[in-house]
Amino acid sequence: MSATERADGAGIPPSANPWVDAQRNPEFAELRRRLRGFVLPMTALFLSWYFLYVLLAAFAPEFMSIRLVGHINVGLVFGLLQFVTTFVITLCYVRYANRRLDPLSSRLRARLEGDPR
C-alpha cells in the first residue's frame, strides 16, 4: 500500500486532520445517508401532524370542541396525542439506531481510534 492510500482502500490521500479523513470515508457517507433517511421523513410526518393540530385548533374550533366523553373533547385528545407521537417517534428512532446506525458508527469509531476491526 502506498503512502497516499488509506487503510480502508478508498485511495484518498490522508490529511493532517483525522476528522477530515473520517468525513471522506464512504462508511461515514453511508451513516449520514441512513440517518437522513430516517430523520427527514419522520420530521416531515411529525410537523404535518403538528400543523394539522394547530390549523384545526385555529380554523375548526367547532370540530375541536366536539365532546367525546364527559368534558374530554377532540382538541384535548389531539393535544395529548402530540405527546404520544413524540414518544412513539423516540422509540422508533432508538430501534432504528440500534439496528442500522450503531453498528456502522461503532466500526467507524473503532477505525478512527486506531482499532483495525
PDB file of N, CA and C in Angstrom:
ATOM      1  N   MET A   1       0.859  -1.172   0.000  1.00  0.00           N
ATOM      2  CA  MET A   1       0.000   0.000   0.000  1.00  0.00           C
ATOM      3  C   MET A   1       0.897   1.224   0.000  1.00  0.00           C
ATOM      4  N   SER A   2       0.583   2.175  -0.873  1.00  0.00           N
ATOM      5  CA  SER A   2       1.404   3.381  -0.950  1.00  0.00           C
ATOM      6  C   SER A   2       1.067   4.325   0.192  1.00  0.00           C
ATOM      7  N   ALA A   3       1.894   5.322   0.365  1.00  0.00           N
ATOM      8  CA  ALA A   3       1.695   6.275   1.459  1.00  0.00           C
ATOM      9  C   ALA A   3       0.470   7.147   1.241  1.00  0.00           C
ATOM     10  N   THR A   4      -0.013   7.222  -0.002  1.00  0.00           N
ATOM     11  CA  THR A   4      -1.173   8.077  -0.261  1.00  0.00           C
ATOM     12  C   THR A   4      -2.489   7.330  -0.184  1.00  0.00           C
ATOM     13  N   GLU A   5      -2.445   6.009  -0.034  1.00  0.00           N
ATOM     14  CA  GLU A   5      -3.691   5.250   0.079  1.00  0.00           C
ATOM     15  C   GLU A   5      -4.073   5.092   1.537  1.00  0.00           C
ATOM     16  N   ARG A   6      -5.386   5.063   1.755  1.00  0.00           N
ATOM     17  CA  ARG A   6      -5.874   4.880   3.112  1.00  0.00           C
ATOM     18  C   ARG A   6      -6.011   3.407   3.427  1.00  0.00           C
ATOM     19  N   ALA A   7      -6.058   3.106   4.683  1.00  0.00           N
ATOM     20  CA  ALA A   7      -6.149   1.715   5.121  1.00  0.00           C
ATOM     21  C   ALA A   7      -7.447   1.057   4.654  1.00  0.00           C
ATOM     22  N   ASP A   8      -8.513   1.830   4.428  1.00  0.00           N
ATOM     23  CA  ASP A   8      -9.770   1.234   4.004  1.00  0.00           C
ATOM     24  C   ASP A   8      -9.855   1.048   2.496  1.00  0.00           C
ATOM     25  N   GLY A   9      -8.770   1.396   1.771  1.00  0.00           N
ATOM     26  CA  GLY A   9      -8.717   1.151   0.349  1.00  0.00           C
ATOM     27  C   GLY A   9      -9.444   2.175  -0.492  1.00  0.00           C
ATOM     28  N   ALA A  10      -9.833   3.309   0.067  1.00  0.00           N
ATOM     29  CA  ALA A  10     -10.583   4.306  -0.685  1.00  0.00           C
ATOM     30  C   ALA A  10      -9.701   5.046  -1.673  1.00  0.00           C
ATOM     31  N   GLY A  11      -8.368   4.986  -1.518  1.00  0.00           N
ATOM     32  CA  GLY A  11      -7.465   5.652  -2.438  1.00  0.00           C
ATOM     33  C   GLY A  11      -7.427   7.156  -2.277  1.00  0.00           C
ATOM     34  N   ILE A  12      -7.923   7.660  -1.177  1.00  0.00           N
ATOM     35  CA  ILE A  12      -7.909   9.094  -0.917  1.00  0.00           C
ATOM     36  C   ILE A  12      -6.700   9.389  -0.058  1.00  0.00           C
ATOM     37  N   PRO A  13      -5.902  10.382  -0.433  1.00  0.00           N
ATOM     38  CA  PRO A  13      -4.720  10.667   0.380  1.00  0.00           C
ATOM     39  C   PRO A  13      -5.120  11.117   1.787  1.00  0.00           C
ATOM     40  N   PRO A  14      -4.398  10.665   2.792  1.00  0.00           N
ATOM     41  CA  PRO A  14      -4.725  11.066   4.161  1.00  0.00           C
ATOM     42  C   PRO A  14      -4.419  12.542   4.372  1.00  0.00           C
ATOM     43  N   SER A  15      -5.203  13.164   5.231  1.00  0.00           N
ATOM     44  CA  SER A  15      -4.957  14.563   5.564  1.00  0.00           C
ATOM     45  C   SER A  15      -4.311  14.626   6.942  1.00  0.00           C
ATOM     46  N   ALA A  16      -3.957  15.830   7.359  1.00  0.00           N
ATOM     47  CA  ALA A  16      -3.364  16.007   8.678  1.00  0.00           C
ATOM     48  C   ALA A  16      -4.420  15.908   9.767  1.00  0.00           C
ATOM     49  N   ASN A  17      -5.678  16.035   9.393  1.00  0.00           N
ATOM     50  CA  ASN A  17      -6.767  16.013  10.360  1.00  0.00           C
ATOM     51  C   ASN A  17      -7.536  14.698  10.247  1.00  0.00           C
ATOM     52  N   PRO A  18      -7.552  13.884  11.298  1.00  0.00           N
ATOM     53  CA  PRO A  18      -8.264  12.597  11.218  1.00  0.00           C
ATOM     54  C   PRO A  18      -9.768  12.766  11.036  1.00  0.00           C
ATOM     55  N   TRP A  19     -10.325  13.897  11.461  1.00  0.00           N
ATOM     56  CA  TRP A  19     -11.764  14.129  11.303  1.00  0.00           C
ATOM     57  C   TRP A  19     -12.109  14.354   9.836  1.00  0.00           C
ATOM     58  N   VAL A  20     -11.212  14.995   9.094  1.00  0.00           N
ATOM     59  CA  VAL A  20     -11.422  15.159   7.656  1.00  0.00           C
ATOM     60  C   VAL A  20     -11.372  13.796   6.984  1.00  0.00           C
ATOM     61  N   ASP A  21     -10.437  12.960   7.393  1.00  0.00           N
ATOM     62  CA  ASP A  21     -10.356  11.601   6.857  1.00  0.00           C
ATOM     63  C   ASP A  21     -11.642  10.825   7.151  1.00  0.00           C
ATOM     64  N   ALA A  22     -12.153  10.970   8.360  1.00  0.00           N
ATOM     65  CA  ALA A  22     -13.387  10.272   8.724  1.00  0.00           C
ATOM     66  C   ALA A  22     -14.547  10.756   7.861  1.00  0.00           C
ATOM     67  N   GLN A  23     -14.606  12.037   7.599  1.00  0.00           N
ATOM     68  CA  GLN A  23     -15.689  12.584   6.785  1.00  0.00           C
ATOM     69  C   GLN A  23     -15.592  12.097   5.336  1.00  0.00           C
ATOM     70  N   ARG A  24     -14.413  11.875   4.841  1.00  0.00           N
ATOM     71  CA  ARG A  24     -14.215  11.388   3.472  1.00  0.00           C
ATOM     72  C   ARG A  24     -14.522   9.902   3.332  1.00  0.00           C
ATOM     73  N   ASN A  25     -14.601   9.197   4.431  1.00  0.00           N
ATOM     74  CA  ASN A  25     -14.803   7.760   4.417  1.00  0.00           C
ATOM     75  C   ASN A  25     -16.180   7.418   3.843  1.00  0.00           C
ATOM     76  N   PRO A  26     -16.260   6.476   2.922  1.00  0.00           N
ATOM     77  CA  PRO A  26     -17.563   6.082   2.362  1.00  0.00           C
ATOM     78  C   PRO A  26     -18.540   5.553   3.411  1.00  0.00           C
ATOM     79  N   GLU A  27     -18.015   4.926   4.465  1.00  0.00           N
ATOM     80  CA  GLU A  27     -18.903   4.446   5.532  1.00  0.00           C
ATOM     81  C   GLU A  27     -19.561   5.613   6.260  1.00  0.00           C
ATOM     82  N   PHE A  28     -18.843   6.722   6.391  1.00  0.00           N
ATOM     83  CA  PHE A  28     -19.422   7.907   7.028  1.00  0.00           C
ATOM     84  C   PHE A  28     -20.546   8.467   6.165  1.00  0.00           C
ATOM     85  N   ALA A  29     -20.336   8.489   4.857  1.00  0.00           N
ATOM     86  CA  ALA A  29     -21.384   8.950   3.936  1.00  0.00           C
ATOM     87  C   ALA A  29     -22.612   8.050   4.045  1.00  0.00           C
ATOM     88  N   GLU A  30     -22.378   6.747   4.178  1.00  0.00           N
ATOM     89  CA  GLU A  30     -23.488   5.804   4.339  1.00  0.00           C
ATOM     90  C   GLU A  30     -24.214   6.042   5.659  1.00  0.00           C
ATOM     91  N   LEU A  31     -23.479   6.297   6.714  1.00  0.00           N
ATOM     92  CA  LEU A  31     -24.087   6.594   8.012  1.00  0.00           C
ATOM     93  C   LEU A  31     -24.965   7.837   7.925  1.00  0.00           C
ATOM     94  N   ARG A  32     -24.473   8.874   7.295  1.00  0.00           N
ATOM     95  CA  ARG A  32     -25.258  10.105   7.133  1.00  0.00           C
ATOM     96  C   ARG A  32     -26.496   9.857   6.276  1.00  0.00           C
ATOM     97  N   ARG A  33     -26.351   9.052   5.215  1.00  0.00           N
ATOM     98  CA  ARG A  33     -27.493   8.742   4.361  1.00  0.00           C
ATOM     99  C   ARG A  33     -28.574   7.993   5.144  1.00  0.00           C
ATOM    100  N   ARG A  34     -28.150   7.033   5.950  1.00  0.00           N
ATOM    101  CA  ARG A  34     -29.111   6.273   6.766  1.00  0.00           C
ATOM    102  C   ARG A  34     -29.799   7.171   7.782  1.00  0.00           C
ATOM    103  N   LEU A  35     -29.033   8.051   8.415  1.00  0.00           N
ATOM    104  CA  LEU A  35     -29.625   8.959   9.401  1.00  0.00           C
ATOM    105  C   LEU A  35     -30.650   9.876   8.738  1.00  0.00           C
ATOM    106  N   ARG A  36     -30.266  10.483   7.620  1.00  0.00           N
ATOM    107  CA  ARG A  36     -31.204  11.363   6.904  1.00  0.00           C
ATOM    108  C   ARG A  36     -32.425  10.592   6.420  1.00  0.00           C
ATOM    109  N   GLY A  37     -32.224   9.330   6.041  1.00  0.00           N
ATOM    110  CA  GLY A  37     -33.332   8.501   5.575  1.00  0.00           C
ATOM    111  C   GLY A  37     -34.391   8.276   6.640  1.00  0.00           C
ATOM    112  N   PHE A  38     -34.009   8.360   7.886  1.00  0.00           N
ATOM    113  CA  PHE A  38     -34.984   8.241   8.968  1.00  0.00           C
ATOM    114  C   PHE A  38     -35.474   9.610   9.422  1.00  0.00           C
ATOM    115  N   VAL A  39     -34.550  10.514   9.652  1.00  0.00           N
ATOM    116  CA  VAL A  39     -34.879  11.796  10.277  1.00  0.00           C
ATOM    117  C   VAL A  39     -35.762  12.673   9.392  1.00  0.00           C
ATOM    118  N   LEU A  40     -35.446  12.802   8.124  1.00  0.00           N
ATOM    119  CA  LEU A  40     -36.210  13.712   7.265  1.00  0.00           C
ATOM    120  C   LEU A  40     -37.670  13.281   7.093  1.00  0.00           C
ATOM    121  N   PRO A  41     -37.957  12.024   6.743  1.00  0.00           N
ATOM    122  CA  PRO A  41     -39.370  11.639   6.643  1.00  0.00           C
ATOM    123  C   PRO A  41     -40.108  11.730   7.981  1.00  0.00           C
ATOM    124  N   MET A  42     -39.433  11.346   9.057  1.00  0.00           N
ATOM    125  CA  MET A  42     -40.093  11.391  10.361  1.00  0.00           C
ATOM    126  C   MET A  42     -40.382  12.833  10.778  1.00  0.00           C
ATOM    127  N   THR A  43     -39.464  13.733  10.486  1.00  0.00           N
ATOM    128  CA  THR A  43     -39.675  15.141  10.788  1.00  0.00           C
ATOM    129  C   THR A  43     -40.843  15.690   9.982  1.00  0.00           C
ATOM    130  N   ALA A  44     -40.891  15.356   8.699  1.00  0.00           N
ATOM    131  CA  ALA A  44     -41.996  15.814   7.853  1.00  0.00           C
ATOM    132  C   ALA A  44     -43.331  15.274   8.359  1.00  0.00           C
ATOM    133  N   LEU A  45     -43.348  14.011   8.741  1.00  0.00           N
ATOM    134  CA  LEU A  45     -44.566  13.403   9.265  1.00  0.00           C
ATOM    135  C   LEU A  45     -45.024  14.094  10.549  1.00  0.00           C
ATOM    136  N   PHE A  46     -44.090  14.279  11.478  1.00  0.00           N
ATOM    137  CA  PHE A  46     -44.461  14.886  12.749  1.00  0.00           C
ATOM    138  C   PHE A  46     -44.907  16.333  12.565  1.00  0.00           C
ATOM    139  N   LEU A  47     -44.187  17.110  11.754  1.00  0.00           N
ATOM    140  CA  LEU A  47     -44.574  18.504  11.553  1.00  0.00           C
ATOM    141  C   LEU A  47     -45.919  18.614  10.851  1.00  0.00           C
ATOM    142  N   SER A  48     -46.199  17.712   9.915  1.00  0.00           N
ATOM    143  CA  SER A  48     -47.509  17.709   9.258  1.00  0.00           C
ATOM    144  C   SER A  48     -48.611  17.461  10.283  1.00  0.00           C
ATOM    145  N   TRP A  49     -48.405  16.479  11.133  1.00  0.00           N
ATOM    146  CA  TRP A  49     -49.370  16.143  12.179  1.00  0.00           C
ATOM    147  C   TRP A  49     -49.540  17.320  13.143  1.00  0.00           C
ATOM    148  N   TYR A  50     -48.438  17.944  13.529  1.00  0.00           N
ATOM    149  CA  TYR A  50     -48.498  19.077  14.457  1.00  0.00           C
ATOM    150  C   TYR A  50     -49.239  20.264  13.829  1.00  0.00           C
ATOM    151  N   PHE A  51     -48.898  20.597  12.576  1.00  0.00           N
ATOM    152  CA  PHE A  51     -49.566  21.734  11.934  1.00  0.00           C
ATOM    153  C   PHE A  51     -51.034  21.437  11.646  1.00  0.00           C
ATOM    154  N   LEU A  52     -51.375  20.178  11.402  1.00  0.00           N
ATOM    155  CA  LEU A  52     -52.788  19.821  11.289  1.00  0.00           C
ATOM    156  C   LEU A  52     -53.513  20.153  12.590  1.00  0.00           C
ATOM    157  N   TYR A  53     -52.920  19.796  13.694  1.00  0.00           N
ATOM    158  CA  TYR A  53     -53.496  20.096  15.006  1.00  0.00           C
ATOM    159  C   TYR A  53     -53.661  21.609  15.211  1.00  0.00           C
ATOM    160  N   VAL A  54     -52.620  22.361  14.893  1.00  0.00           N
ATOM    161  CA  VAL A  54     -52.679  23.819  15.061  1.00  0.00           C
ATOM    162  C   VAL A  54     -53.732  24.428  14.137  1.00  0.00           C
ATOM    163  N   LEU A  55     -53.760  23.980  12.882  1.00  0.00           N
ATOM    164  CA  LEU A  55     -54.729  24.527  11.928  1.00  0.00           C
ATOM    165  C   LEU A  55     -56.164  24.173  12.316  1.00  0.00           C
ATOM    166  N   LEU A  56     -56.371  22.958  12.772  1.00  0.00           N
ATOM    167  CA  LEU A  56     -57.709  22.589  13.244  1.00  0.00           C
ATOM    168  C   LEU A  56     -58.117  23.431  14.448  1.00  0.00           C
ATOM    169  N   ALA A  57     -57.186  23.666  15.352  1.00  0.00           N
ATOM    170  CA  ALA A  57     -57.498  24.483  16.528  1.00  0.00           C
ATOM    171  C   ALA A  57     -57.836  25.915  16.118  1.00  0.00           C
ATOM    172  N   ALA A  58     -57.149  26.430  15.095  1.00  0.00           N
ATOM    173  CA  ALA A  58     -57.367  27.811  14.676  1.00  0.00           C
ATOM    174  C   ALA A  58     -58.591  27.970  13.781  1.00  0.00           C
ATOM    175  N   PHE A  59     -58.809  27.025  12.865  1.00  0.00           N
ATOM    176  CA  PHE A  59     -59.838  27.223  11.850  1.00  0.00           C
ATOM    177  C   PHE A  59     -61.041  26.285  11.951  1.00  0.00           C
ATOM    178  N   ALA A  60     -60.987  25.331  12.847  1.00  0.00           N
ATOM    179  CA  ALA A  60     -62.124  24.425  13.031  1.00  0.00           C
ATOM    180  C   ALA A  60     -62.418  24.233  14.519  1.00  0.00           C
ATOM    181  N   PRO A  61     -62.650  25.335  15.229  1.00  0.00           N
ATOM    182  CA  PRO A  61     -62.882  25.192  16.672  1.00  0.00           C
ATOM    183  C   PRO A  61     -64.137  24.391  17.002  1.00  0.00           C
ATOM    184  N   GLU A  62     -65.123  24.425  16.117  1.00  0.00           N
ATOM    185  CA  GLU A  62     -66.341  23.640  16.373  1.00  0.00           C
ATOM    186  C   GLU A  62     -66.045  22.140  16.324  1.00  0.00           C
ATOM    187  N   PHE A  63     -65.150  21.727  15.416  1.00  0.00           N
ATOM    188  CA  PHE A  63     -64.747  20.322  15.364  1.00  0.00           C
ATOM    189  C   PHE A  63     -63.930  19.957  16.596  1.00  0.00           C
ATOM    190  N   MET A  64     -62.989  20.820  16.946  1.00  0.00           N
ATOM    191  CA  MET A  64     -62.111  20.522  18.089  1.00  0.00           C
ATOM    192  C   MET A  64     -62.875  20.515  19.413  1.00  0.00           C
ATOM    193  N   SER A  65     -64.027  21.170  19.459  1.00  0.00           N
ATOM    194  CA  SER A  65     -64.783  21.233  20.712  1.00  0.00           C
ATOM    195  C   SER A  65     -65.835  20.134  20.838  1.00  0.00           C
ATOM    196  N   ILE A  66     -65.880  19.219  19.891  1.00  0.00           N
ATOM    197  CA  ILE A  66     -66.814  18.096  19.976  1.00  0.00           C
ATOM    198  C   ILE A  66     -66.441  17.250  21.193  1.00  0.00           C
ATOM    199  N   ARG A  67     -67.425  17.045  22.056  1.00  0.00           N
ATOM    200  CA  ARG A  67     -67.187  16.234  23.259  1.00  0.00           C
ATOM    201  C   ARG A  67     -67.221  14.754  22.915  1.00  0.00           C
ATOM    202  N   LEU A  68     -66.232  14.053  23.433  1.00  0.00           N
ATOM    203  CA  LEU A  68     -66.154  12.618  23.215  1.00  0.00           C
ATOM    204  C   LEU A  68     -66.685  11.853  24.424  1.00  0.00           C
ATOM    205  N   VAL A  69     -66.144  12.175  25.595  1.00  0.00           N
ATOM    206  CA  VAL A  69     -66.560  11.545  26.839  1.00  0.00           C
ATOM    207  C   VAL A  69     -66.516  12.610  27.926  1.00  0.00           C
ATOM    208  N   GLY A  70     -67.630  12.897  28.545  1.00  0.00           N
ATOM    209  CA  GLY A  70     -67.651  13.900  29.607  1.00  0.00           C
ATOM    210  C   GLY A  70     -67.134  15.240  29.106  1.00  0.00           C
ATOM    211  N   HIS A  71     -66.104  15.765  29.763  1.00  0.00           N
ATOM    212  CA  HIS A  71     -65.517  17.046  29.365  1.00  0.00           C
ATOM    213  C   HIS A  71     -64.319  16.884  28.433  1.00  0.00           C
ATOM    214  N   ILE A  72     -64.075  15.684  27.996  1.00  0.00           N
ATOM    215  CA  ILE A  72     -62.949  15.432  27.093  1.00  0.00           C
ATOM    216  C   ILE A  72     -63.421  15.631  25.657  1.00  0.00           C
ATOM    217  N   ASN A  73     -62.751  16.551  24.954  1.00  0.00           N
ATOM    218  CA  ASN A  73     -63.149  16.848  23.583  1.00  0.00           C
ATOM    219  C   ASN A  73     -62.054  16.447  22.588  1.00  0.00           C
ATOM    220  N   VAL A  74     -62.346  16.601  21.307  1.00  0.00           N
ATOM    221  CA  VAL A  74     -61.413  16.218  20.244  1.00  0.00           C
ATOM    222  C   VAL A  74     -60.098  16.976  20.379  1.00  0.00           C
ATOM    223  N   GLY A  75     -60.153  18.258  20.674  1.00  0.00           N
ATOM    224  CA  GLY A  75     -58.941  19.069  20.808  1.00  0.00           C
ATOM    225  C   GLY A  75     -58.022  18.552  21.903  1.00  0.00           C
ATOM    226  N   LEU A  76     -58.592  18.172  23.021  1.00  0.00           N
ATOM    227  CA  LEU A  76     -57.784  17.635  24.123  1.00  0.00           C
ATOM    228  C   LEU A  76     -57.134  16.309  23.724  1.00  0.00           C
ATOM    229  N   VAL A  77     -57.889  15.459  23.061  1.00  0.00           N
ATOM    230  CA  VAL A  77     -57.342  14.172  22.621  1.00  0.00           C
ATOM    231  C   VAL A  77     -56.217  14.395  21.609  1.00  0.00           C
ATOM    232  N   PHE A  78     -56.443  15.291  20.631  1.00  0.00           N
ATOM    233  CA  PHE A  78     -55.396  15.583  19.659  1.00  0.00           C
ATOM    234  C   PHE A  78     -54.160  16.159  20.341  1.00  0.00           C
ATOM    235  N   GLY A  79     -54.353  17.019  21.311  1.00  0.00           N
ATOM    236  CA  GLY A  79     -53.222  17.596  22.042  1.00  0.00           C
ATOM    237  C   GLY A  79     -52.429  16.534  22.789  1.00  0.00           C
ATOM    238  N   LEU A  80     -53.125  15.616  23.443  1.00  0.00           N
ATOM    239  CA  LEU A  80     -52.437  14.542  24.152  1.00  0.00           C
ATOM    240  C   LEU A  80     -51.746  13.580  23.178  1.00  0.00           C
ATOM    241  N   LEU A  81     -52.339  13.409  22.009  1.00  0.00           N
ATOM    242  CA  LEU A  81     -51.710  12.546  21.003  1.00  0.00           C
ATOM    243  C   LEU A  81     -50.399  13.130  20.490  1.00  0.00           C
ATOM    244  N   GLN A  82     -50.214  14.441  20.612  1.00  0.00           N
ATOM    245  CA  GLN A  82     -48.924  15.036  20.252  1.00  0.00           C
ATOM    246  C   GLN A  82     -47.813  14.450  21.130  1.00  0.00           C
ATOM    247  N   PHE A  83     -48.103  14.301  22.413  1.00  0.00           N
ATOM    248  CA  PHE A  83     -47.114  13.708  23.323  1.00  0.00           C
ATOM    249  C   PHE A  83     -46.890  12.239  22.999  1.00  0.00           C
ATOM    250  N   VAL A  84     -47.966  11.512  22.729  1.00  0.00           N
ATOM    251  CA  VAL A  84     -47.853  10.101  22.382  1.00  0.00           C
ATOM    252  C   VAL A  84     -46.994   9.946  21.129  1.00  0.00           C
ATOM    253  N   THR A  85     -47.240  10.797  20.135  1.00  0.00           N
ATOM    254  CA  THR A  85     -46.474  10.758  18.895  1.00  0.00           C
ATOM    255  C   THR A  85     -44.983  10.961  19.166  1.00  0.00           C
ATOM    256  N   THR A  86     -44.667  11.894  20.043  1.00  0.00           N
ATOM    257  CA  THR A  86     -43.268  12.158  20.376  1.00  0.00           C
ATOM    258  C   THR A  86     -42.602  10.911  20.957  1.00  0.00           C
ATOM    259  N   PHE A  87     -43.278  10.234  21.857  1.00  0.00           N
ATOM    260  CA  PHE A  87     -42.711   9.027  22.458  1.00  0.00           C
ATOM    261  C   PHE A  87     -42.594   7.891  21.439  1.00  0.00           C
ATOM    262  N   VAL A  88     -43.579   7.755  20.550  1.00  0.00           N
ATOM    263  CA  VAL A  88     -43.530   6.707  19.527  1.00  0.00           C
ATOM    264  C   VAL A  88     -42.362   6.961  18.577  1.00  0.00           C
ATOM    265  N   ILE A  89     -42.181   8.217  18.167  1.00  0.00           N
ATOM    266  CA  ILE A  89     -41.060   8.539  17.280  1.00  0.00           C
ATOM    267  C   ILE A  89     -39.735   8.239  17.975  1.00  0.00           C
ATOM    268  N   THR A  90     -39.636   8.573  19.254  1.00  0.00           N
ATOM    269  CA  THR A  90     -38.416   8.289  20.006  1.00  0.00           C
ATOM    270  C   THR A  90     -38.132   6.792  20.043  1.00  0.00           C
ATOM    271  N   LEU A  91     -39.139   5.997  20.331  1.00  0.00           N
ATOM    272  CA  LEU A  91     -38.955   4.540  20.360  1.00  0.00           C
ATOM    273  C   LEU A  91     -38.563   4.000  18.983  1.00  0.00           C
ATOM    274  N   CYS A  92     -39.193   4.508  17.943  1.00  0.00           N
ATOM    275  CA  CYS A  92     -38.840   4.077  16.582  1.00  0.00           C
ATOM    276  C   CYS A  92     -37.398   4.436  16.252  1.00  0.00           C
ATOM    277  N   TYR A  93     -36.983   5.643  16.648  1.00  0.00           N
ATOM    278  CA  TYR A  93     -35.615   6.059  16.371  1.00  0.00           C
ATOM    279  C   TYR A  93     -34.607   5.179  17.122  1.00  0.00           C
ATOM    280  N   VAL A  94     -34.876   4.878  18.365  1.00  0.00           N
ATOM    281  CA  VAL A  94     -33.959   4.043  19.148  1.00  0.00           C
ATOM    282  C   VAL A  94     -33.813   2.675  18.497  1.00  0.00           C
ATOM    283  N   ARG A  95     -34.926   2.083  18.078  1.00  0.00           N
ATOM    284  CA  ARG A  95     -34.852   0.779  17.409  1.00  0.00           C
ATOM    285  C   ARG A  95     -34.086   0.878  16.093  1.00  0.00           C
ATOM    286  N   TYR A  96     -34.359   1.930  15.327  1.00  0.00           N
ATOM    287  CA  TYR A  96     -33.676   2.124  14.046  1.00  0.00           C
ATOM    288  C   TYR A  96     -32.178   2.336  14.266  1.00  0.00           C
ATOM    289  N   ALA A  97     -31.836   3.168  15.227  1.00  0.00           N
ATOM    290  CA  ALA A  97     -30.421   3.448  15.506  1.00  0.00           C
ATOM    291  C   ALA A  97     -29.699   2.190  15.972  1.00  0.00           C
ATOM    292  N   ASN A  98     -30.330   1.411  16.817  1.00  0.00           N
ATOM    293  CA  ASN A  98     -29.697   0.179  17.296  1.00  0.00           C
ATOM    294  C   ASN A  98     -29.424  -0.803  16.167  1.00  0.00           C
ATOM    295  N   ARG A  99     -30.339  -0.878  15.211  1.00  0.00           N
ATOM    296  CA  ARG A  99     -30.187  -1.840  14.107  1.00  0.00           C
ATOM    297  C   ARG A  99     -29.331  -1.318  12.965  1.00  0.00           C
ATOM    298  N   ARG A 100     -29.522  -0.046  12.572  1.00  0.00           N
ATOM    299  CA  ARG A 100     -28.940   0.447  11.319  1.00  0.00           C
ATOM    300  C   ARG A 100     -27.812   1.456  11.483  1.00  0.00           C
ATOM    301  N   LEU A 101     -27.782   2.181  12.586  1.00  0.00           N
ATOM    302  CA  LEU A 101     -26.768   3.231  12.744  1.00  0.00           C
ATOM    303  C   LEU A 101     -25.625   2.820  13.660  1.00  0.00           C
ATOM    304  N   ASP A 102     -25.944   2.242  14.779  1.00  0.00           N
ATOM    305  CA  ASP A 102     -24.913   1.933  15.771  1.00  0.00           C
ATOM    306  C   ASP A 102     -23.835   0.965  15.284  1.00  0.00           C
ATOM    307  N   PRO A 103     -24.185  -0.113  14.576  1.00  0.00           N
ATOM    308  CA  PRO A 103     -23.102  -0.996  14.110  1.00  0.00           C
ATOM    309  C   PRO A 103     -22.120  -0.270  13.189  1.00  0.00           C
ATOM    310  N   LEU A 104     -22.634   0.528  12.280  1.00  0.00           N
ATOM    311  CA  LEU A 104     -21.778   1.262  11.357  1.00  0.00           C
ATOM    312  C   LEU A 104     -20.962   2.320  12.080  1.00  0.00           C
ATOM    313  N   SER A 105     -21.593   3.041  12.994  1.00  0.00           N
ATOM    314  CA  SER A 105     -20.845   4.078  13.721  1.00  0.00           C
ATOM    315  C   SER A 105     -19.796   3.468  14.647  1.00  0.00           C
ATOM    316  N   SER A 106     -20.058   2.283  15.169  1.00  0.00           N
ATOM    317  CA  SER A 106     -19.064   1.614  16.016  1.00  0.00           C
ATOM    318  C   SER A 106     -17.833   1.226  15.205  1.00  0.00           C
ATOM    319  N   ARG A 107     -18.067   0.718  13.989  1.00  0.00           N
ATOM    320  CA  ARG A 107     -16.928   0.381  13.123  1.00  0.00           C
ATOM    321  C   ARG A 107     -16.132   1.633  12.766  1.00  0.00           C
ATOM    322  N   LEU A 108     -16.822   2.706  12.444  1.00  0.00           N
ATOM    323  CA  LEU A 108     -16.150   3.966  12.111  1.00  0.00           C
ATOM    324  C   LEU A 108     -15.344   4.494  13.294  1.00  0.00           C
ATOM    325  N   ARG A 109     -15.939   4.443  14.447  1.00  0.00           N
ATOM    326  CA  ARG A 109     -15.256   4.932  15.662  1.00  0.00           C
ATOM    327  C   ARG A 109     -14.015   4.095  15.948  1.00  0.00           C
ATOM    328  N   ALA A 110     -14.152   2.794  15.836  1.00  0.00           N
ATOM    329  CA  ALA A 110     -13.008   1.911  16.088  1.00  0.00           C
ATOM    330  C   ALA A 110     -11.878   2.245  15.110  1.00  0.00           C
ATOM    331  N   ARG A 111     -12.234   2.433  13.847  1.00  0.00           N
ATOM    332  CA  ARG A 111     -11.208   2.755  12.836  1.00  0.00           C
ATOM    333  C   ARG A 111     -10.568   4.105  13.151  1.00  0.00           C
ATOM    334  N   LEU A 112     -11.366   5.083  13.553  1.00  0.00           N
ATOM    335  CA  LEU A 112     -10.840   6.413  13.866  1.00  0.00           C
ATOM    336  C   LEU A 112      -9.903   6.372  15.075  1.00  0.00           C
ATOM    337  N   GLU A 113     -10.238   5.509  16.021  1.00  0.00           N
ATOM    338  CA  GLU A 113      -9.420   5.404  17.228  1.00  0.00           C
ATOM    339  C   GLU A 113      -8.230   4.466  17.040  1.00  0.00           C
ATOM    340  N   GLY A 114      -8.086   3.927  15.833  1.00  0.00           N
ATOM    341  CA  GLY A 114      -6.920   3.097  15.550  1.00  0.00           C
ATOM    342  C   GLY A 114      -7.112   1.625  15.754  1.00  0.00           C
ATOM    343  N   ASP A 115      -8.300   1.158  16.055  1.00  0.00           N
ATOM    344  CA  ASP A 115      -8.572  -0.269  16.217  1.00  0.00           C
ATOM    345  C   ASP A 115      -8.911  -0.837  14.840  1.00  0.00           C
ATOM    346  N   PRO A 116      -8.103  -1.727  14.296  1.00  0.00           N
ATOM    347  CA  PRO A 116      -8.305  -2.201  12.905  1.00  0.00           C
ATOM    348  C   PRO A 116      -9.351  -3.299  12.759  1.00  0.00           C
ATOM    349  N   ARG A 117     -10.476  -3.226  13.434  1.00  0.00           N
ATOM    350  CA  ARG A 117     -11.517  -4.269  13.345  1.00  0.00           C
ATOM    351  C   ARG A 117     -12.003  -4.475  11.971  1.00  0.00           C
TER     352      ARG A 117
END
